[in-house]
Amino acid sequence: MPSYVILVNWTDQGIRNVKDSPKRADAFEAAVKAAGGTLKEFYLVLGEYDLVVVTEAPNDETAAKLALATASLGNVRTVTMRAFNRVEFRKIIAGLP
């Protein structure tokens, strides 16, 4: 199943209600599961982003829907990147001319 790295920043609304973040994270995990995916990792980080999340989803369309639905709640802004694991990486490199 494709993997995705999601870089997350809280909005003003999200940071004002930061104590609700664990409940929102649980709701996100439930949404990922309902969409046929898996929440693999969830990190609070220091630096340019507030959180880093790693998920698996059935396809890019599902990942995009999850990102849009989450961002539409107004608590976070996200950057979602398709991530290729070691096996996929080797396959891509092996296919180069």
N, C-alpha and C. Protein backbone atom coordinates (compact mmCIF):
# COMPACT_ATOMS: atom_id res chain seq x y z
N MET A 1 0.86 -1.17 0.00
CA MET A 1 0.00 0.00 0.00
C MET A 1 0.90 1.24 0.00
N PRO A 2 0.60 2.26 -0.79
CA PRO A 2 1.42 3.46 -0.83
C PRO A 2 1.53 4.14 0.53
N SER A 3 2.71 4.72 0.77
CA SER A 3 2.97 5.45 2.02
C SER A 3 2.98 6.95 1.73
N TYR A 4 2.63 7.72 2.75
CA TYR A 4 2.59 9.17 2.64
C TYR A 4 3.17 9.79 3.91
N VAL A 5 3.99 10.81 3.73
CA VAL A 5 4.50 11.60 4.84
C VAL A 5 3.73 12.91 4.82
N ILE A 6 3.14 13.25 5.95
CA ILE A 6 2.32 14.46 6.04
C ILE A 6 2.99 15.41 7.02
N LEU A 7 3.35 16.59 6.54
CA LEU A 7 3.92 17.64 7.37
C LEU A 7 2.77 18.54 7.80
N VAL A 8 2.66 18.79 9.09
CA VAL A 8 1.48 19.46 9.64
C VAL A 8 1.88 20.69 10.43
N ASN A 9 1.17 21.78 10.19
CA ASN A 9 1.26 22.98 11.03
C ASN A 9 -0.11 23.31 11.57
N TRP A 10 -0.15 23.67 12.85
CA TRP A 10 -1.41 24.13 13.41
C TRP A 10 -1.75 25.51 12.87
N THR A 11 -3.01 25.76 12.64
CA THR A 11 -3.49 27.10 12.31
C THR A 11 -3.66 27.86 13.63
N ASP A 12 -4.03 29.13 13.56
CA ASP A 12 -4.31 29.88 14.79
C ASP A 12 -5.41 29.18 15.59
N GLN A 13 -6.43 28.72 14.90
CA GLN A 13 -7.52 27.99 15.57
C GLN A 13 -7.00 26.71 16.21
N GLY A 14 -6.17 25.99 15.50
CA GLY A 14 -5.65 24.73 16.00
C GLY A 14 -4.79 24.89 17.24
N ILE A 15 -3.95 25.92 17.27
CA ILE A 15 -3.09 26.12 18.43
C ILE A 15 -3.88 26.65 19.62
N ARG A 16 -4.92 27.45 19.35
CA ARG A 16 -5.78 27.90 20.46
C ARG A 16 -6.44 26.72 21.15
N ASN A 17 -6.74 25.70 20.38
CA ASN A 17 -7.41 24.50 20.91
C ASN A 17 -6.47 23.30 20.94
N VAL A 18 -5.19 23.55 21.22
CA VAL A 18 -4.18 22.49 21.15
C VAL A 18 -4.49 21.33 22.11
N LYS A 19 -5.16 21.62 23.21
CA LYS A 19 -5.48 20.54 24.16
C LYS A 19 -6.45 19.53 23.57
N ASP A 20 -7.14 19.92 22.50
CA ASP A 20 -8.05 18.98 21.81
C ASP A 20 -7.31 18.14 20.77
N SER A 21 -6.03 18.41 20.57
CA SER A 21 -5.27 17.71 19.53
C SER A 21 -5.28 16.19 19.66
N PRO A 22 -5.15 15.63 20.86
CA PRO A 22 -5.21 14.15 20.94
C PRO A 22 -6.53 13.59 20.42
N LYS A 23 -7.63 14.27 20.71
CA LYS A 23 -8.93 13.80 20.20
C LYS A 23 -8.99 13.93 18.68
N ARG A 24 -8.44 15.03 18.16
CA ARG A 24 -8.42 15.22 16.71
C ARG A 24 -7.52 14.17 16.04
N ALA A 25 -6.41 13.84 16.69
CA ALA A 25 -5.53 12.81 16.15
C ALA A 25 -6.24 11.45 16.11
N ASP A 26 -7.00 11.16 17.16
CA ASP A 26 -7.77 9.91 17.18
C ASP A 26 -8.80 9.88 16.06
N ALA A 27 -9.45 11.03 15.83
CA ALA A 27 -10.45 11.11 14.76
C ALA A 27 -9.78 10.94 13.40
N PHE A 28 -8.58 11.51 13.23
CA PHE A 28 -7.85 11.33 11.98
C PHE A 28 -7.50 9.86 11.77
N GLU A 29 -7.03 9.20 12.82
CA GLU A 29 -6.69 7.78 12.70
C GLU A 29 -7.92 6.96 12.32
N ALA A 30 -9.06 7.28 12.91
CA ALA A 30 -10.31 6.58 12.57
C ALA A 30 -10.67 6.81 11.10
N ALA A 31 -10.48 8.04 10.62
CA ALA A 31 -10.79 8.35 9.22
C ALA A 31 -9.86 7.58 8.28
N VAL A 32 -8.59 7.50 8.64
CA VAL A 32 -7.63 6.75 7.83
C VAL A 32 -8.04 5.28 7.76
N LYS A 33 -8.38 4.71 8.90
CA LYS A 33 -8.81 3.30 8.94
C LYS A 33 -10.08 3.09 8.12
N ALA A 34 -11.04 4.01 8.25
CA ALA A 34 -12.30 3.90 7.50
C ALA A 34 -12.06 3.97 5.99
N ALA A 35 -11.00 4.67 5.59
CA ALA A 35 -10.67 4.80 4.17
C ALA A 35 -9.82 3.63 3.67
N GLY A 36 -9.55 2.67 4.55
CA GLY A 36 -8.78 1.50 4.15
C GLY A 36 -7.28 1.64 4.35
N GLY A 37 -6.87 2.67 5.10
CA GLY A 37 -5.45 2.91 5.33
C GLY A 37 -5.01 2.60 6.74
N THR A 38 -3.78 2.99 7.04
CA THR A 38 -3.19 2.76 8.34
C THR A 38 -2.39 3.98 8.76
N LEU A 39 -2.53 4.39 10.01
CA LEU A 39 -1.66 5.43 10.57
C LEU A 39 -0.43 4.72 11.11
N LYS A 40 0.73 4.94 10.50
CA LYS A 40 1.96 4.23 10.85
C LYS A 40 2.74 4.93 11.95
N GLU A 41 2.87 6.25 11.85
CA GLU A 41 3.66 7.03 12.82
C GLU A 41 3.02 8.39 13.01
N PHE A 42 3.23 8.94 14.20
CA PHE A 42 2.69 10.26 14.53
C PHE A 42 3.70 10.92 15.47
N TYR A 43 4.28 12.04 15.05
CA TYR A 43 5.31 12.70 15.85
C TYR A 43 4.98 14.17 16.07
N LEU A 44 5.15 14.64 17.29
CA LEU A 44 5.26 16.06 17.58
C LEU A 44 6.72 16.40 17.33
N VAL A 45 6.98 17.42 16.54
CA VAL A 45 8.37 17.74 16.18
C VAL A 45 8.68 19.20 16.48
N LEU A 46 9.95 19.49 16.56
CA LEU A 46 10.43 20.85 16.74
C LEU A 46 10.96 21.34 15.40
N GLY A 47 10.75 22.61 15.12
CA GLY A 47 11.26 23.16 13.87
C GLY A 47 10.15 23.78 13.05
N GLU A 48 10.29 23.70 11.75
CA GLU A 48 9.38 24.37 10.81
C GLU A 48 7.96 23.82 10.88
N TYR A 49 7.82 22.55 11.21
CA TYR A 49 6.50 21.91 11.28
C TYR A 49 6.20 21.52 12.72
N ASP A 50 4.92 21.37 13.01
CA ASP A 50 4.49 21.01 14.36
C ASP A 50 4.35 19.50 14.54
N LEU A 51 3.94 18.82 13.49
CA LEU A 51 3.73 17.38 13.53
C LEU A 51 4.22 16.76 12.23
N VAL A 52 4.64 15.50 12.32
CA VAL A 52 4.93 14.69 11.13
C VAL A 52 4.16 13.40 11.30
N VAL A 53 3.38 13.06 10.28
CA VAL A 53 2.53 11.87 10.32
C VAL A 53 2.89 11.00 9.12
N VAL A 54 2.96 9.70 9.36
CA VAL A 54 3.20 8.75 8.27
C VAL A 54 1.99 7.83 8.19
N THR A 55 1.41 7.77 7.00
CA THR A 55 0.23 6.92 6.80
C THR A 55 0.44 6.02 5.58
N GLU A 56 -0.40 5.03 5.49
CA GLU A 56 -0.55 4.25 4.27
C GLU A 56 -1.99 4.42 3.84
N ALA A 57 -2.21 4.54 2.54
CA ALA A 57 -3.56 4.66 1.99
C ALA A 57 -3.63 3.83 0.71
N PRO A 58 -4.83 3.43 0.33
CA PRO A 58 -4.96 2.59 -0.86
C PRO A 58 -4.43 3.23 -2.15
N ASN A 59 -4.52 4.57 -2.24
CA ASN A 59 -4.09 5.25 -3.46
C ASN A 59 -3.98 6.75 -3.20
N ASP A 60 -3.46 7.47 -4.19
CA ASP A 60 -3.26 8.92 -4.05
C ASP A 60 -4.58 9.66 -3.84
N GLU A 61 -5.62 9.23 -4.53
CA GLU A 61 -6.92 9.88 -4.39
C GLU A 61 -7.42 9.80 -2.95
N THR A 62 -7.28 8.65 -2.34
CA THR A 62 -7.71 8.49 -0.94
C THR A 62 -6.87 9.38 -0.03
N ALA A 63 -5.57 9.41 -0.25
CA ALA A 63 -4.69 10.25 0.57
C ALA A 63 -5.07 11.73 0.42
N ALA A 64 -5.37 12.15 -0.80
CA ALA A 64 -5.77 13.54 -1.03
C ALA A 64 -7.08 13.86 -0.32
N LYS A 65 -8.04 12.95 -0.39
CA LYS A 65 -9.33 13.17 0.28
C LYS A 65 -9.14 13.30 1.79
N LEU A 66 -8.30 12.44 2.36
CA LEU A 66 -8.04 12.51 3.80
C LEU A 66 -7.39 13.85 4.17
N ALA A 67 -6.41 14.28 3.38
CA ALA A 67 -5.74 15.55 3.65
C ALA A 67 -6.70 16.72 3.54
N LEU A 68 -7.52 16.73 2.50
CA LEU A 68 -8.48 17.82 2.31
C LEU A 68 -9.54 17.84 3.41
N ALA A 69 -10.05 16.67 3.76
CA ALA A 69 -11.07 16.61 4.81
C ALA A 69 -10.51 17.09 6.14
N THR A 70 -9.28 16.70 6.43
CA THR A 70 -8.65 17.12 7.69
C THR A 70 -8.41 18.62 7.70
N ALA A 71 -7.84 19.15 6.63
CA ALA A 71 -7.55 20.58 6.56
C ALA A 71 -8.82 21.42 6.58
N SER A 72 -9.91 20.89 6.03
CA SER A 72 -11.16 21.66 5.97
C SER A 72 -11.75 21.94 7.34
N LEU A 73 -11.29 21.24 8.36
CA LEU A 73 -11.78 21.48 9.72
C LEU A 73 -11.17 22.75 10.32
N GLY A 74 -10.11 23.26 9.70
CA GLY A 74 -9.56 24.55 10.10
C GLY A 74 -8.50 24.52 11.19
N ASN A 75 -8.09 23.35 11.64
CA ASN A 75 -7.12 23.27 12.73
C ASN A 75 -5.68 23.10 12.27
N VAL A 76 -5.50 22.61 11.06
CA VAL A 76 -4.16 22.36 10.55
C VAL A 76 -4.06 22.71 9.07
N ARG A 77 -2.82 22.93 8.65
CA ARG A 77 -2.47 23.00 7.24
C ARG A 77 -1.49 21.86 7.00
N THR A 78 -1.61 21.22 5.87
CA THR A 78 -0.77 20.04 5.63
C THR A 78 -0.02 20.13 4.31
N VAL A 79 1.08 19.43 4.27
CA VAL A 79 1.83 19.15 3.04
C VAL A 79 1.95 17.64 3.00
N THR A 80 1.37 17.02 1.98
CA THR A 80 1.37 15.56 1.88
C THR A 80 2.30 15.13 0.75
N MET A 81 3.19 14.20 1.07
CA MET A 81 4.16 13.73 0.09
C MET A 81 4.05 12.21 -0.05
N ARG A 82 4.02 11.73 -1.27
CA ARG A 82 4.06 10.29 -1.51
C ARG A 82 5.47 9.82 -1.16
N ALA A 83 5.58 8.79 -0.38
CA ALA A 83 6.88 8.27 0.04
C ALA A 83 7.07 6.87 -0.54
N PHE A 84 8.25 6.61 -1.05
CA PHE A 84 8.56 5.31 -1.63
C PHE A 84 9.47 4.55 -0.68
N ASN A 85 9.07 3.36 -0.29
CA ASN A 85 9.88 2.57 0.64
C ASN A 85 11.12 2.01 -0.08
N ARG A 86 11.93 1.28 0.66
CA ARG A 86 13.19 0.77 0.13
C ARG A 86 12.98 -0.13 -1.09
N VAL A 87 11.99 -1.00 -1.04
CA VAL A 87 11.72 -1.90 -2.16
C VAL A 87 11.29 -1.10 -3.39
N GLU A 88 10.38 -0.14 -3.18
CA GLU A 88 9.93 0.70 -4.30
C GLU A 88 11.08 1.53 -4.87
N PHE A 89 11.92 2.05 -3.98
CA PHE A 89 13.08 2.83 -4.40
C PHE A 89 13.98 2.01 -5.31
N ARG A 90 14.29 0.78 -4.89
CA ARG A 90 15.16 -0.09 -5.69
C ARG A 90 14.54 -0.41 -7.05
N LYS A 91 13.23 -0.62 -7.06
CA LYS A 91 12.53 -0.92 -8.32
C LYS A 91 12.60 0.28 -9.27
N ILE A 92 12.39 1.48 -8.72
CA ILE A 92 12.46 2.70 -9.53
C ILE A 92 13.86 2.86 -10.11
N ILE A 93 14.87 2.71 -9.27
CA ILE A 93 16.25 2.86 -9.72
C ILE A 93 16.61 1.80 -10.76
N ALA A 94 16.15 0.57 -10.54
CA ALA A 94 16.44 -0.52 -11.48
C ALA A 94 15.83 -0.26 -12.85
N GLY A 95 14.76 0.51 -12.91
CA GLY A 95 14.09 0.80 -14.17
C GLY A 95 14.67 1.97 -14.94
N LEU A 96 15.70 2.60 -14.39
CA LEU A 96 16.33 3.72 -15.09
C LEU A 96 17.11 3.24 -16.30
N PRO A 97 17.14 4.05 -17.36
CA PRO A 97 17.92 3.67 -18.55
C PRO A 97 19.42 3.66 -18.27
